[in-house]
Amino acid sequence: MRALRPYLALAALVFLGVIVATLPASVLLRALPERITLDGVSGTLWDGAAEQVHLDGVALGAFRWQLAPLALLALRVDIDIALTRPDGSLNGRVRLERDGVVEGDGLRLDLPLTTLHPEHSAASWDGRVAGTVTHVRLVNGWPVALDAQLTLTHLHAPDAADDLGTLMCGNLWQHEVVNRGSNAILTKAVKEIAAKGGA
């Protein structure tokens, strides 16, 4: 009987591994913050999809994810994500950290600004944003550090009648964003673009 113990332990570990590896994606629904909901979930916890992701009740698009299991050994959660919608997309790798901190690396996006700012109103910026985000750090949903090469097109300032045109910007912020007002980030971007001469 004693000779069987290592085999029984190995069989138990394999069984547990199979259970964890095949957990359905719906398990994720219980772990999401209240602000985020997923509809039409399929696949596994490790490699899944949702027909629609909602942020504060606003539909953002179809969503796919792939968890990097080896990152868990380093006590990190790294996820390759892809958001697709008829008018744009966002994809890349995000890392979930403690205390609501999210970091993103190598993100590529081409989206309407209203996707990034769902509570759109006449007092909000409008237009499109496309480019690459080399690194972003979000604390409680707000960017506190951003290194990006972005092109803003058809940009409209709040309550403005005229289109500001196309603005290309690189390495916008590599410092903390202090003001967290709803338009503070774009206002800061436009001021920095103007100071750099639009490039």
N, C-alpha and C. Protein backbone atom coordinates (compact mmCIF):
# COMPACT_ATOMS: atom_id res chain seq x y z
N MET A 1 0.82 -1.20 0.00
CA MET A 1 0.00 0.00 0.00
C MET A 1 0.86 1.26 0.00
N ARG A 2 1.96 1.21 0.76
CA ARG A 2 2.84 2.37 0.86
C ARG A 2 3.44 2.70 -0.52
N ALA A 3 3.69 1.69 -1.33
CA ALA A 3 4.26 1.89 -2.67
C ALA A 3 3.28 2.60 -3.59
N LEU A 4 1.99 2.49 -3.30
CA LEU A 4 0.97 3.13 -4.14
C LEU A 4 0.77 4.61 -3.83
N ARG A 5 1.20 5.07 -2.68
CA ARG A 5 0.97 6.46 -2.28
C ARG A 5 1.48 7.49 -3.29
N PRO A 6 2.71 7.38 -3.80
CA PRO A 6 3.17 8.37 -4.79
C PRO A 6 2.29 8.37 -6.05
N TYR A 7 1.82 7.21 -6.47
CA TYR A 7 0.98 7.11 -7.66
C TYR A 7 -0.40 7.73 -7.41
N LEU A 8 -0.93 7.48 -6.21
CA LEU A 8 -2.22 8.08 -5.86
C LEU A 8 -2.11 9.60 -5.77
N ALA A 9 -1.02 10.08 -5.20
CA ALA A 9 -0.81 11.53 -5.12
C ALA A 9 -0.68 12.13 -6.51
N LEU A 10 0.06 11.46 -7.40
CA LEU A 10 0.22 11.93 -8.78
C LEU A 10 -1.12 11.92 -9.50
N ALA A 11 -1.91 10.87 -9.31
CA ALA A 11 -3.23 10.78 -9.95
C ALA A 11 -4.14 11.90 -9.45
N ALA A 12 -4.07 12.20 -8.15
CA ALA A 12 -4.88 13.29 -7.59
C ALA A 12 -4.47 14.63 -8.17
N LEU A 13 -3.16 14.86 -8.32
CA LEU A 13 -2.67 16.11 -8.92
C LEU A 13 -3.11 16.23 -10.39
N VAL A 14 -3.01 15.15 -11.14
CA VAL A 14 -3.44 15.17 -12.55
C VAL A 14 -4.94 15.46 -12.62
N PHE A 15 -5.72 14.80 -11.78
CA PHE A 15 -7.17 15.03 -11.75
C PHE A 15 -7.48 16.48 -11.43
N LEU A 16 -6.82 17.04 -10.42
CA LEU A 16 -7.02 18.44 -10.06
C LEU A 16 -6.60 19.36 -11.20
N GLY A 17 -5.48 19.04 -11.85
CA GLY A 17 -5.02 19.83 -13.00
C GLY A 17 -6.01 19.84 -14.14
N VAL A 18 -6.61 18.69 -14.42
CA VAL A 18 -7.61 18.61 -15.49
C VAL A 18 -8.84 19.45 -15.14
N ILE A 19 -9.26 19.38 -13.89
CA ILE A 19 -10.42 20.17 -13.46
C ILE A 19 -10.13 21.67 -13.64
N VAL A 20 -8.98 22.12 -13.16
CA VAL A 20 -8.63 23.54 -13.27
C VAL A 20 -8.48 23.96 -14.73
N ALA A 21 -7.85 23.11 -15.55
CA ALA A 21 -7.61 23.45 -16.95
C ALA A 21 -8.90 23.53 -17.76
N THR A 22 -9.93 22.85 -17.31
CA THR A 22 -11.18 22.84 -18.08
C THR A 22 -12.30 23.65 -17.42
N LEU A 23 -11.95 24.48 -16.46
CA LEU A 23 -12.98 25.32 -15.84
C LEU A 23 -13.66 26.16 -16.91
N PRO A 24 -14.98 26.21 -16.92
CA PRO A 24 -15.67 27.00 -17.94
C PRO A 24 -15.45 28.50 -17.74
N ALA A 25 -15.54 29.24 -18.84
CA ALA A 25 -15.35 30.69 -18.79
C ALA A 25 -16.36 31.37 -17.87
N SER A 26 -17.52 30.76 -17.68
CA SER A 26 -18.55 31.36 -16.83
C SER A 26 -18.08 31.53 -15.39
N VAL A 27 -17.04 30.81 -14.97
CA VAL A 27 -16.46 30.98 -13.63
C VAL A 27 -15.96 32.42 -13.46
N LEU A 28 -15.49 33.00 -14.56
CA LEU A 28 -14.97 34.37 -14.53
C LEU A 28 -16.03 35.38 -14.13
N LEU A 29 -17.29 35.11 -14.45
CA LEU A 29 -18.37 36.06 -14.17
C LEU A 29 -18.45 36.41 -12.69
N ARG A 30 -18.15 35.46 -11.82
CA ARG A 30 -18.23 35.71 -10.38
C ARG A 30 -17.08 36.57 -9.87
N ALA A 31 -15.98 36.63 -10.64
CA ALA A 31 -14.80 37.36 -10.18
C ALA A 31 -14.73 38.79 -10.71
N LEU A 32 -15.61 39.16 -11.62
CA LEU A 32 -15.55 40.49 -12.23
C LEU A 32 -16.10 41.56 -11.30
N PRO A 33 -15.56 42.79 -11.41
CA PRO A 33 -16.14 43.91 -10.66
C PRO A 33 -17.57 44.17 -11.14
N GLU A 34 -18.40 44.78 -10.30
CA GLU A 34 -19.79 45.06 -10.65
C GLU A 34 -19.92 45.88 -11.92
N ARG A 35 -18.96 46.75 -12.20
CA ARG A 35 -19.04 47.64 -13.37
C ARG A 35 -18.92 46.89 -14.69
N ILE A 36 -18.38 45.66 -14.66
CA ILE A 36 -18.13 44.90 -15.89
C ILE A 36 -19.03 43.68 -15.94
N THR A 37 -19.76 43.54 -17.05
CA THR A 37 -20.57 42.34 -17.26
C THR A 37 -20.26 41.76 -18.63
N LEU A 38 -20.43 40.44 -18.75
CA LEU A 38 -20.18 39.73 -20.00
C LEU A 38 -21.44 38.97 -20.40
N ASP A 39 -21.78 39.01 -21.71
CA ASP A 39 -22.91 38.25 -22.24
C ASP A 39 -22.38 37.23 -23.24
N GLY A 40 -23.04 36.09 -23.33
CA GLY A 40 -22.68 35.08 -24.31
C GLY A 40 -21.30 34.51 -24.11
N VAL A 41 -20.98 34.12 -22.88
CA VAL A 41 -19.64 33.63 -22.54
C VAL A 41 -19.46 32.20 -23.03
N SER A 42 -18.28 31.92 -23.61
CA SER A 42 -17.95 30.57 -24.07
C SER A 42 -16.47 30.29 -23.84
N GLY A 43 -16.09 29.03 -23.99
CA GLY A 43 -14.69 28.65 -23.81
C GLY A 43 -14.38 28.30 -22.37
N THR A 44 -13.09 28.42 -22.03
CA THR A 44 -12.65 28.10 -20.67
C THR A 44 -12.17 29.36 -19.96
N LEU A 45 -11.91 29.21 -18.69
CA LEU A 45 -11.35 30.32 -17.91
C LEU A 45 -10.04 30.80 -18.52
N TRP A 46 -9.28 29.87 -19.10
CA TRP A 46 -7.95 30.18 -19.63
C TRP A 46 -7.98 30.74 -21.04
N ASP A 47 -8.97 30.35 -21.83
CA ASP A 47 -9.07 30.76 -23.23
C ASP A 47 -10.55 30.88 -23.56
N GLY A 48 -11.08 32.10 -23.43
CA GLY A 48 -12.52 32.26 -23.56
C GLY A 48 -12.91 33.47 -24.37
N ALA A 49 -14.22 33.62 -24.51
CA ALA A 49 -14.77 34.73 -25.30
C ALA A 49 -16.12 35.13 -24.74
N ALA A 50 -16.50 36.36 -25.04
CA ALA A 50 -17.84 36.86 -24.71
C ALA A 50 -18.37 37.59 -25.94
N GLU A 51 -19.64 37.35 -26.23
CA GLU A 51 -20.24 38.03 -27.38
C GLU A 51 -20.28 39.53 -27.16
N GLN A 52 -20.40 39.95 -25.90
CA GLN A 52 -20.47 41.38 -25.58
C GLN A 52 -19.93 41.63 -24.18
N VAL A 53 -19.10 42.67 -24.04
CA VAL A 53 -18.66 43.13 -22.73
C VAL A 53 -19.29 44.49 -22.49
N HIS A 54 -19.76 44.71 -21.26
CA HIS A 54 -20.39 45.98 -20.89
C HIS A 54 -19.59 46.61 -19.76
N LEU A 55 -19.41 47.93 -19.84
CA LEU A 55 -18.81 48.70 -18.75
C LEU A 55 -19.85 49.71 -18.29
N ASP A 56 -20.26 49.61 -17.05
CA ASP A 56 -21.31 50.47 -16.50
C ASP A 56 -22.56 50.45 -17.37
N GLY A 57 -22.89 49.27 -17.90
CA GLY A 57 -24.09 49.12 -18.72
C GLY A 57 -23.94 49.50 -20.18
N VAL A 58 -22.78 50.02 -20.57
CA VAL A 58 -22.56 50.43 -21.96
C VAL A 58 -21.85 49.31 -22.71
N ALA A 59 -22.44 48.88 -23.84
CA ALA A 59 -21.85 47.80 -24.65
C ALA A 59 -20.57 48.29 -25.32
N LEU A 60 -19.47 47.54 -25.14
CA LEU A 60 -18.19 47.92 -25.73
C LEU A 60 -17.82 47.08 -26.95
N GLY A 61 -18.28 45.83 -27.03
CA GLY A 61 -17.96 44.99 -28.17
C GLY A 61 -17.72 43.55 -27.75
N ALA A 62 -17.36 42.72 -28.73
CA ALA A 62 -17.04 41.32 -28.46
C ALA A 62 -15.66 41.25 -27.81
N PHE A 63 -15.46 40.27 -26.95
CA PHE A 63 -14.24 40.22 -26.14
C PHE A 63 -13.67 38.80 -26.11
N ARG A 64 -12.36 38.67 -26.34
CA ARG A 64 -11.65 37.38 -26.22
C ARG A 64 -10.51 37.55 -25.24
N TRP A 65 -10.17 36.48 -24.53
CA TRP A 65 -9.03 36.53 -23.62
C TRP A 65 -8.30 35.20 -23.60
N GLN A 66 -7.03 35.29 -23.24
CA GLN A 66 -6.19 34.12 -23.02
C GLN A 66 -5.30 34.41 -21.82
N LEU A 67 -5.48 33.63 -20.77
CA LEU A 67 -4.64 33.78 -19.57
C LEU A 67 -3.30 33.10 -19.80
N ALA A 68 -2.23 33.73 -19.30
CA ALA A 68 -0.89 33.14 -19.38
C ALA A 68 -0.65 32.35 -18.10
N PRO A 69 -0.78 31.01 -18.13
CA PRO A 69 -0.69 30.23 -16.89
C PRO A 69 0.67 30.31 -16.20
N LEU A 70 1.75 30.46 -16.97
CA LEU A 70 3.08 30.53 -16.33
C LEU A 70 3.24 31.78 -15.48
N ALA A 71 2.54 32.86 -15.83
CA ALA A 71 2.62 34.09 -15.02
C ALA A 71 2.07 33.86 -13.62
N LEU A 72 1.14 32.93 -13.49
CA LEU A 72 0.58 32.63 -12.17
C LEU A 72 1.64 32.11 -11.21
N LEU A 73 2.65 31.44 -11.75
CA LEU A 73 3.74 30.95 -10.90
C LEU A 73 4.51 32.11 -10.27
N ALA A 74 4.51 33.27 -10.95
CA ALA A 74 5.15 34.48 -10.42
C ALA A 74 4.14 35.35 -9.67
N LEU A 75 2.96 34.76 -9.37
CA LEU A 75 1.88 35.47 -8.66
C LEU A 75 1.40 36.71 -9.42
N ARG A 76 1.36 36.59 -10.75
CA ARG A 76 0.83 37.65 -11.61
C ARG A 76 -0.31 37.08 -12.44
N VAL A 77 -1.22 37.96 -12.89
CA VAL A 77 -2.26 37.55 -13.82
C VAL A 77 -2.04 38.34 -15.10
N ASP A 78 -1.49 37.66 -16.12
CA ASP A 78 -1.27 38.27 -17.43
C ASP A 78 -2.31 37.72 -18.39
N ILE A 79 -2.96 38.62 -19.14
CA ILE A 79 -4.04 38.22 -20.03
C ILE A 79 -3.84 38.88 -21.39
N ASP A 80 -3.87 38.09 -22.45
CA ASP A 80 -3.92 38.64 -23.80
C ASP A 80 -5.40 38.88 -24.11
N ILE A 81 -5.72 40.12 -24.52
CA ILE A 81 -7.11 40.49 -24.75
C ILE A 81 -7.32 40.97 -26.17
N ALA A 82 -8.56 40.86 -26.63
CA ALA A 82 -8.96 41.42 -27.93
C ALA A 82 -10.41 41.87 -27.82
N LEU A 83 -10.63 43.16 -28.04
CA LEU A 83 -11.97 43.74 -28.09
C LEU A 83 -12.24 44.10 -29.53
N THR A 84 -13.33 43.59 -30.09
CA THR A 84 -13.66 43.92 -31.48
C THR A 84 -15.09 44.43 -31.53
N ARG A 85 -15.29 45.39 -32.39
CA ARG A 85 -16.60 45.99 -32.61
C ARG A 85 -16.66 46.45 -34.06
N PRO A 86 -17.84 46.74 -34.60
CA PRO A 86 -17.93 47.14 -36.00
C PRO A 86 -17.10 48.37 -36.35
N ASP A 87 -16.89 49.26 -35.39
CA ASP A 87 -16.17 50.51 -35.69
C ASP A 87 -14.76 50.56 -35.11
N GLY A 88 -14.18 49.40 -34.73
CA GLY A 88 -12.81 49.44 -34.24
C GLY A 88 -12.41 48.23 -33.44
N SER A 89 -11.19 48.31 -32.86
CA SER A 89 -10.67 47.17 -32.09
C SER A 89 -9.60 47.64 -31.12
N LEU A 90 -9.32 46.78 -30.14
CA LEU A 90 -8.25 46.99 -29.17
C LEU A 90 -7.70 45.61 -28.83
N ASN A 91 -6.37 45.43 -28.86
CA ASN A 91 -5.80 44.16 -28.44
C ASN A 91 -4.41 44.35 -27.87
N GLY A 92 -3.99 43.41 -27.06
CA GLY A 92 -2.68 43.47 -26.42
C GLY A 92 -2.68 42.67 -25.14
N ARG A 93 -1.70 42.94 -24.28
CA ARG A 93 -1.55 42.21 -23.02
C ARG A 93 -1.79 43.15 -21.84
N VAL A 94 -2.58 42.67 -20.87
CA VAL A 94 -2.80 43.41 -19.63
C VAL A 94 -2.37 42.54 -18.46
N ARG A 95 -1.97 43.22 -17.39
CA ARG A 95 -1.55 42.55 -16.15
C ARG A 95 -2.41 43.11 -15.03
N LEU A 96 -3.06 42.21 -14.30
CA LEU A 96 -3.87 42.61 -13.15
C LEU A 96 -3.01 42.52 -11.90
N GLU A 97 -2.99 43.60 -11.13
CA GLU A 97 -2.22 43.64 -9.90
C GLU A 97 -3.15 43.87 -8.72
N ARG A 98 -2.57 43.90 -7.56
CA ARG A 98 -3.36 44.12 -6.35
C ARG A 98 -3.92 45.53 -6.32
N ASP A 99 -4.93 45.72 -5.51
CA ASP A 99 -5.51 47.04 -5.23
C ASP A 99 -6.07 47.72 -6.48
N GLY A 100 -6.59 46.96 -7.43
CA GLY A 100 -7.24 47.55 -8.60
C GLY A 100 -6.30 48.13 -9.64
N VAL A 101 -5.01 47.86 -9.55
CA VAL A 101 -4.04 48.37 -10.53
C VAL A 101 -4.02 47.45 -11.74
N VAL A 102 -4.08 48.06 -12.94
CA VAL A 102 -4.02 47.32 -14.19
C VAL A 102 -2.91 47.94 -15.03
N GLU A 103 -2.03 47.09 -15.58
CA GLU A 103 -0.99 47.58 -16.48
C GLU A 103 -1.20 46.96 -17.84
N GLY A 104 -0.94 47.72 -18.90
CA GLY A 104 -1.07 47.22 -20.25
C GLY A 104 0.22 47.45 -21.01
N ASP A 105 0.59 46.48 -21.85
CA ASP A 105 1.81 46.58 -22.66
C ASP A 105 1.49 46.16 -24.09
N GLY A 106 2.03 46.91 -25.05
CA GLY A 106 1.88 46.56 -26.45
C GLY A 106 0.44 46.55 -26.93
N LEU A 107 -0.36 47.47 -26.41
CA LEU A 107 -1.77 47.55 -26.82
C LEU A 107 -1.87 48.28 -28.16
N ARG A 108 -2.66 47.73 -29.07
CA ARG A 108 -2.93 48.38 -30.35
C ARG A 108 -4.42 48.70 -30.38
N LEU A 109 -4.76 49.92 -30.77
CA LEU A 109 -6.15 50.31 -30.76
C LEU A 109 -6.52 51.19 -31.94
N ASP A 110 -7.77 51.11 -32.32
CA ASP A 110 -8.39 51.97 -33.33
C ASP A 110 -9.86 52.02 -32.96
N LEU A 111 -10.24 53.05 -32.21
CA LEU A 111 -11.57 53.13 -31.62
C LEU A 111 -12.11 54.55 -31.61
N PRO A 112 -13.44 54.68 -31.55
CA PRO A 112 -14.00 56.00 -31.26
C PRO A 112 -13.66 56.39 -29.83
N LEU A 113 -13.43 57.67 -29.59
CA LEU A 113 -13.14 58.11 -28.22
C LEU A 113 -14.27 57.78 -27.26
N THR A 114 -15.49 57.70 -27.76
CA THR A 114 -16.63 57.39 -26.89
C THR A 114 -16.51 55.99 -26.30
N THR A 115 -15.74 55.10 -26.93
CA THR A 115 -15.52 53.77 -26.36
C THR A 115 -14.70 53.87 -25.09
N LEU A 116 -13.72 54.78 -25.09
CA LEU A 116 -12.86 54.97 -23.93
C LEU A 116 -13.52 55.82 -22.86
N HIS A 117 -14.57 56.52 -23.24
CA HIS A 117 -15.26 57.43 -22.33
C HIS A 117 -16.76 57.19 -22.48
N PRO A 118 -17.28 56.05 -21.96
CA PRO A 118 -18.66 55.65 -22.23
C PRO A 118 -19.73 56.65 -21.80
N GLU A 119 -19.47 57.45 -20.78
CA GLU A 119 -20.49 58.40 -20.33
C GLU A 119 -20.43 59.66 -21.18
N HIS A 120 -20.49 59.45 -22.50
CA HIS A 120 -20.37 60.52 -23.49
C HIS A 120 -21.51 61.53 -23.36
N SER A 121 -21.17 62.81 -23.47
CA SER A 121 -22.16 63.87 -23.44
C SER A 121 -21.64 65.04 -24.26
N ALA A 122 -22.41 66.11 -24.35
CA ALA A 122 -21.97 67.29 -25.09
C ALA A 122 -20.73 67.91 -24.45
N ALA A 123 -20.47 67.60 -23.19
CA ALA A 123 -19.29 68.14 -22.50
C ALA A 123 -18.09 67.19 -22.60
N SER A 124 -18.14 66.23 -23.52
CA SER A 124 -17.06 65.26 -23.69
C SER A 124 -16.36 65.47 -25.03
N TRP A 125 -15.14 64.96 -25.11
CA TRP A 125 -14.40 64.96 -26.36
C TRP A 125 -14.99 63.91 -27.29
N ASP A 126 -14.87 64.15 -28.61
CA ASP A 126 -15.36 63.19 -29.58
C ASP A 126 -14.31 63.04 -30.68
N GLY A 127 -14.35 61.93 -31.40
CA GLY A 127 -13.40 61.67 -32.47
C GLY A 127 -12.96 60.22 -32.43
N ARG A 128 -11.80 59.94 -33.03
CA ARG A 128 -11.23 58.58 -33.05
C ARG A 128 -9.81 58.62 -32.53
N VAL A 129 -9.38 57.51 -31.96
CA VAL A 129 -8.00 57.37 -31.51
C VAL A 129 -7.47 56.05 -32.07
N ALA A 130 -6.26 56.11 -32.64
CA ALA A 130 -5.62 54.90 -33.18
C ALA A 130 -4.15 54.96 -32.85
N GLY A 131 -3.53 53.80 -32.69
CA GLY A 131 -2.09 53.77 -32.43
C GLY A 131 -1.69 52.64 -31.52
N THR A 132 -0.52 52.82 -30.91
CA THR A 132 0.06 51.80 -30.04
C THR A 132 0.33 52.39 -28.67
N VAL A 133 -0.07 51.67 -27.65
CA VAL A 133 0.22 52.04 -26.27
C VAL A 133 1.33 51.11 -25.81
N THR A 134 2.55 51.63 -25.72
CA THR A 134 3.68 50.82 -25.29
C THR A 134 3.49 50.37 -23.85
N HIS A 135 3.04 51.29 -23.00
CA HIS A 135 2.79 50.95 -21.60
C HIS A 135 1.75 51.91 -21.02
N VAL A 136 0.83 51.37 -20.24
CA VAL A 136 -0.14 52.19 -19.51
C VAL A 136 -0.32 51.57 -18.13
N ARG A 137 -0.51 52.42 -17.14
CA ARG A 137 -0.79 51.97 -15.77
C ARG A 137 -2.07 52.66 -15.33
N LEU A 138 -3.07 51.84 -14.96
CA LEU A 138 -4.36 52.36 -14.51
C LEU A 138 -4.52 52.07 -13.02
N VAL A 139 -4.90 53.08 -12.27
CA VAL A 139 -5.21 52.92 -10.86
C VAL A 139 -6.66 53.33 -10.67
N ASN A 140 -7.48 52.41 -10.19
CA ASN A 140 -8.91 52.64 -10.04
C ASN A 140 -9.55 53.11 -11.33
N GLY A 141 -9.10 52.56 -12.46
CA GLY A 141 -9.69 52.87 -13.76
C GLY A 141 -9.15 54.11 -14.44
N TRP A 142 -8.22 54.83 -13.81
CA TRP A 142 -7.68 56.06 -14.39
C TRP A 142 -6.20 55.89 -14.73
N PRO A 143 -5.77 56.38 -15.91
CA PRO A 143 -4.35 56.26 -16.26
C PRO A 143 -3.49 57.20 -15.42
N VAL A 144 -2.48 56.64 -14.79
CA VAL A 144 -1.53 57.46 -14.03
C VAL A 144 -0.17 57.49 -14.72
N ALA A 145 0.03 56.63 -15.71
CA ALA A 145 1.24 56.66 -16.53
C ALA A 145 0.89 56.13 -17.90
N LEU A 146 1.42 56.77 -18.95
CA LEU A 146 1.09 56.38 -20.30
C LEU A 146 2.25 56.70 -21.22
N ASP A 147 2.67 55.71 -22.00
CA ASP A 147 3.68 55.90 -23.04
C ASP A 147 3.03 55.38 -24.32
N ALA A 148 2.71 56.28 -25.25
CA ALA A 148 1.92 55.88 -26.41
C ALA A 148 2.26 56.70 -27.64
N GLN A 149 2.00 56.11 -28.79
CA GLN A 149 2.06 56.78 -30.09
C GLN A 149 0.63 56.74 -30.62
N LEU A 150 -0.04 57.88 -30.61
CA LEU A 150 -1.46 57.91 -30.95
C LEU A 150 -1.74 58.94 -32.04
N THR A 151 -2.77 58.65 -32.83
CA THR A 151 -3.29 59.60 -33.80
C THR A 151 -4.74 59.83 -33.46
N LEU A 152 -5.07 61.09 -33.22
CA LEU A 152 -6.45 61.47 -32.92
C LEU A 152 -7.02 62.11 -34.17
N THR A 153 -8.13 61.58 -34.69
CA THR A 153 -8.74 62.12 -35.90
C THR A 153 -10.16 62.58 -35.62
N HIS A 154 -10.61 63.55 -36.40
CA HIS A 154 -11.95 64.11 -36.27
C HIS A 154 -12.22 64.53 -34.82
N LEU A 155 -11.23 65.12 -34.20
CA LEU A 155 -11.31 65.48 -32.79
C LEU A 155 -12.18 66.72 -32.62
N HIS A 156 -13.18 66.59 -31.75
CA HIS A 156 -14.06 67.70 -31.38
C HIS A 156 -13.89 67.97 -29.90
N ALA A 157 -13.62 69.24 -29.57
CA ALA A 157 -13.55 69.64 -28.16
C ALA A 157 -14.98 69.74 -27.63
N PRO A 158 -15.16 69.67 -26.31
CA PRO A 158 -16.50 69.81 -25.74
C PRO A 158 -17.17 71.10 -26.20
N ASP A 159 -18.42 70.98 -26.61
CA ASP A 159 -19.25 72.12 -27.02
C ASP A 159 -18.67 72.91 -28.19
N ALA A 160 -17.75 72.34 -28.96
CA ALA A 160 -17.16 73.05 -30.11
C ALA A 160 -17.88 72.65 -31.38
N ALA A 161 -18.01 73.60 -32.29
CA ALA A 161 -18.68 73.33 -33.56
C ALA A 161 -17.70 72.78 -34.60
N ASP A 162 -16.43 73.18 -34.51
CA ASP A 162 -15.46 72.80 -35.54
C ASP A 162 -14.65 71.58 -35.14
N ASP A 163 -14.30 70.81 -36.16
CA ASP A 163 -13.43 69.64 -36.02
C ASP A 163 -12.00 70.16 -35.88
N LEU A 164 -11.26 69.66 -34.90
CA LEU A 164 -9.87 70.09 -34.72
C LEU A 164 -8.92 69.43 -35.71
N GLY A 165 -9.42 68.46 -36.48
CA GLY A 165 -8.59 67.81 -37.49
C GLY A 165 -7.88 66.59 -36.92
N THR A 166 -6.68 66.33 -37.47
CA THR A 166 -5.90 65.16 -37.08
C THR A 166 -4.71 65.60 -36.26
N LEU A 167 -4.50 64.96 -35.14
CA LEU A 167 -3.37 65.25 -34.27
C LEU A 167 -2.57 63.98 -34.07
N MET A 168 -1.27 64.04 -34.32
CA MET A 168 -0.40 62.89 -34.07
C MET A 168 0.43 63.20 -32.84
N CYS A 169 0.52 62.24 -31.95
CA CYS A 169 1.24 62.49 -30.71
C CYS A 169 2.01 61.26 -30.29
N GLY A 170 3.17 61.50 -29.71
CA GLY A 170 4.00 60.40 -29.25
C GLY A 170 4.53 60.67 -27.87
N ASN A 171 4.69 59.61 -27.12
CA ASN A 171 5.23 59.69 -25.76
C ASN A 171 4.54 60.78 -24.95
N LEU A 172 3.21 60.73 -24.93
CA LEU A 172 2.43 61.78 -24.28
C LEU A 172 2.78 61.99 -22.82
N TRP A 173 2.61 60.96 -22.05
CA TRP A 173 2.85 61.11 -20.61
C TRP A 173 3.80 60.03 -20.17
N GLN A 174 4.79 60.42 -19.44
CA GLN A 174 5.60 59.44 -18.76
C GLN A 174 5.70 59.87 -17.29
N HIS A 175 4.68 60.56 -16.88
CA HIS A 175 4.59 61.06 -15.51
C HIS A 175 3.16 60.88 -15.04
N GLU A 176 2.89 61.19 -13.81
CA GLU A 176 1.56 60.95 -13.27
C GLU A 176 0.57 62.00 -13.73
N VAL A 177 -0.66 61.54 -13.98
CA VAL A 177 -1.78 62.43 -14.26
C VAL A 177 -2.41 62.75 -12.91
N VAL A 178 -2.43 64.02 -12.56
CA VAL A 178 -2.91 64.41 -11.23
C VAL A 178 -4.41 64.65 -11.23
N ASN A 179 -4.90 65.44 -12.20
CA ASN A 179 -6.32 65.78 -12.25
C ASN A 179 -7.09 64.62 -12.86
N ARG A 180 -8.07 64.09 -12.14
CA ARG A 180 -8.82 62.94 -12.63
C ARG A 180 -10.21 63.33 -13.11
N GLY A 181 -10.44 64.57 -13.50
CA GLY A 181 -11.73 64.97 -14.04
C GLY A 181 -12.01 64.22 -15.33
N SER A 182 -13.28 64.17 -15.75
CA SER A 182 -13.67 63.32 -16.87
C SER A 182 -12.97 63.67 -18.17
N ASN A 183 -12.60 64.93 -18.38
CA ASN A 183 -11.92 65.30 -19.61
C ASN A 183 -10.48 65.73 -19.38
N ALA A 184 -9.99 65.53 -18.17
CA ALA A 184 -8.65 66.01 -17.83
C ALA A 184 -7.57 65.37 -18.69
N ILE A 185 -7.72 64.09 -18.98
CA ILE A 185 -6.69 63.37 -19.71
C ILE A 185 -6.59 63.89 -21.14
N LEU A 186 -7.73 64.02 -21.84
CA LEU A 186 -7.68 64.53 -23.21
C LEU A 186 -7.28 65.99 -23.24
N THR A 187 -7.74 66.78 -22.29
CA THR A 187 -7.35 68.17 -22.24
C THR A 187 -5.84 68.27 -22.10
N LYS A 188 -5.26 67.47 -21.22
CA LYS A 188 -3.82 67.46 -21.02
C LYS A 188 -3.10 67.04 -22.31
N ALA A 189 -3.66 66.03 -23.01
CA ALA A 189 -3.05 65.56 -24.25
C ALA A 189 -3.01 66.67 -25.28
N VAL A 190 -4.13 67.36 -25.47
CA VAL A 190 -4.18 68.42 -26.47
C VAL A 190 -3.22 69.56 -26.12
N LYS A 191 -3.12 69.90 -24.83
CA LYS A 191 -2.18 70.94 -24.42
C LYS A 191 -0.74 70.52 -24.71
N GLU A 192 -0.40 69.26 -24.42
CA GLU A 192 0.96 68.79 -24.68
C GLU A 192 1.26 68.70 -26.17
N ILE A 193 0.24 68.31 -26.96
CA ILE A 193 0.43 68.25 -28.42
C ILE A 193 0.70 69.65 -28.95
N ALA A 194 -0.10 70.62 -28.48
CA ALA A 194 0.09 72.01 -28.92
C ALA A 194 1.49 72.51 -28.54
N ALA A 195 1.93 72.15 -27.33
CA ALA A 195 3.25 72.60 -26.88
C ALA A 195 4.38 71.97 -27.69
N LYS A 196 4.14 70.74 -28.21
CA LYS A 196 5.17 70.06 -29.00
C LYS A 196 5.03 70.34 -30.49
N GLY A 197 4.06 71.13 -30.84
CA GLY A 197 3.88 71.47 -32.25
C GLY A 197 3.15 70.41 -33.03
N GLY A 198 2.35 69.55 -32.33
CA GLY A 198 1.51 68.58 -33.01
C GLY A 198 2.21 67.30 -33.41
N ALA A 199 3.43 67.05 -32.99
CA ALA A 199 4.07 65.79 -33.36
C ALA A 199 4.91 65.26 -32.21
